[in-house]
Amino acid sequence: MQPQAAQFIHILWAILAFYAVLILVVLTAVLIPTWFICKKAGFSPWLAFITLIPVGHLILLYVLAFADWKVVPAPQAYWPPQPPLPPQG
């Protein structure tokens, strides 16, 4: 093999490795938040993998936007209203 061809093959492998790492980073940046959003909304977290198909993120967005979430609201601290202060004067 000629030296130029060998160098070209090494460059191609480096580019391929860079793209593989880039794809893993992007997939992680998309899947982890959607996993937790689905889990907090009361859906199966595996629904996050629908984002891997084309236009799947839009489908998931509409499902989350218009579905009834199966979560119970967190209890809020209740402070009874205070009576008005007497007028000073």
Protein backbone atom coordinates (compact mmCIF):
# COMPACT_ATOMS: atom_id res chain seq x y z
CA MET A 1 0.00 0.00 0.00
CA GLN A 2 1.23 3.44 -0.83
CA PRO A 3 2.06 5.82 2.03
CA GLN A 4 -0.56 8.34 0.90
CA ALA A 5 -3.29 5.68 0.84
CA ALA A 6 -2.33 4.47 4.32
CA GLN A 7 -2.41 8.00 5.64
CA PHE A 8 -5.81 8.56 4.02
CA ILE A 9 -7.18 5.41 5.68
CA HIS A 10 -5.89 6.55 9.08
CA ILE A 11 -7.58 9.92 8.62
CA LEU A 12 -10.83 8.21 7.68
CA TRP A 13 -10.69 6.03 10.81
CA ALA A 14 -10.04 9.11 12.95
CA ILE A 15 -13.05 10.89 11.43
CA LEU A 16 -15.20 7.79 11.95
CA ALA A 17 -14.13 7.55 15.60
CA PHE A 18 -14.88 11.26 16.10
CA TYR A 19 -18.36 10.86 14.61
CA ALA A 20 -19.04 7.78 16.73
CA VAL A 21 -18.16 9.69 19.92
CA LEU A 22 -20.19 12.69 18.75
CA ILE A 23 -23.24 10.51 18.09
CA LEU A 24 -22.94 8.93 21.54
CA VAL A 25 -22.73 12.35 23.20
CA VAL A 26 -25.78 13.65 21.33
CA LEU A 27 -27.79 10.50 22.07
CA THR A 28 -26.91 10.78 25.74
CA ALA A 29 -27.84 14.46 25.79
CA VAL A 30 -31.26 13.65 24.31
CA LEU A 31 -32.14 10.32 25.92
CA ILE A 32 -31.32 11.08 29.56
CA PRO A 33 -33.60 14.16 29.88
CA THR A 34 -36.46 12.50 27.98
CA TRP A 35 -36.07 9.38 30.14
CA PHE A 36 -36.53 11.43 33.33
CA ILE A 37 -39.36 13.54 31.86
CA CYS A 38 -41.28 10.41 30.88
CA LYS A 39 -40.66 8.89 34.31
CA LYS A 40 -41.80 12.03 36.15
CA ALA A 41 -44.89 12.28 33.96
CA GLY A 42 -45.92 8.78 34.99
CA PHE A 43 -45.17 7.15 31.65
CA SER A 44 -42.77 4.32 30.95
CA PRO A 45 -39.25 5.74 30.71
CA TRP A 46 -38.63 3.42 27.75
CA LEU A 47 -40.86 5.77 25.77
CA ALA A 48 -37.79 8.02 25.55
CA PHE A 49 -36.35 5.74 22.88
CA ILE A 50 -39.02 6.96 20.46
CA THR A 51 -36.76 9.97 19.97
CA LEU A 52 -34.32 7.76 18.08
CA ILE A 53 -36.64 7.45 15.09
CA PRO A 54 -37.07 10.36 12.69
CA VAL A 55 -39.76 12.80 13.87
CA GLY A 56 -40.08 10.70 17.04
CA HIS A 57 -39.21 13.62 19.28
CA LEU A 58 -42.21 15.52 17.91
CA ILE A 59 -44.47 12.53 18.57
CA LEU A 60 -43.19 12.30 22.15
CA LEU A 61 -43.60 16.05 22.61
CA TYR A 62 -47.27 15.88 21.59
CA VAL A 63 -47.88 12.79 23.73
CA LEU A 64 -46.45 14.56 26.77
CA ALA A 65 -48.26 17.81 26.02
CA PHE A 66 -51.76 16.43 25.60
CA ALA A 67 -51.83 13.29 27.76
CA ASP A 68 -53.04 13.21 31.35
CA TRP A 69 -50.03 12.89 33.56
CA LYS A 70 -50.36 10.13 36.12
CA VAL A 71 -48.70 11.99 38.97
CA VAL A 72 -50.01 13.24 42.28
CA PRO A 73 -49.19 16.87 42.99
CA ALA A 74 -46.75 17.42 45.80
CA PRO A 75 -48.41 18.56 49.02
CA GLN A 76 -48.05 22.26 49.56
CA ALA A 77 -47.37 23.79 52.94
CA TYR A 78 -50.57 25.35 54.21
CA TRP A 79 -50.35 28.63 56.02
CA PRO A 80 -53.71 29.84 57.30
CA PRO A 81 -54.44 33.45 56.45
CA GLN A 82 -53.48 35.84 59.20
CA PRO A 83 -56.06 38.25 60.57
CA PRO A 84 -55.47 41.87 59.67
CA LEU A 85 -53.42 43.88 62.09
CA PRO A 86 -55.35 46.36 64.25
CA PRO A 87 -54.98 49.97 63.16
CA GLN A 88 -52.24 51.81 64.95
CA GLY A 89 -52.63 55.35 65.86
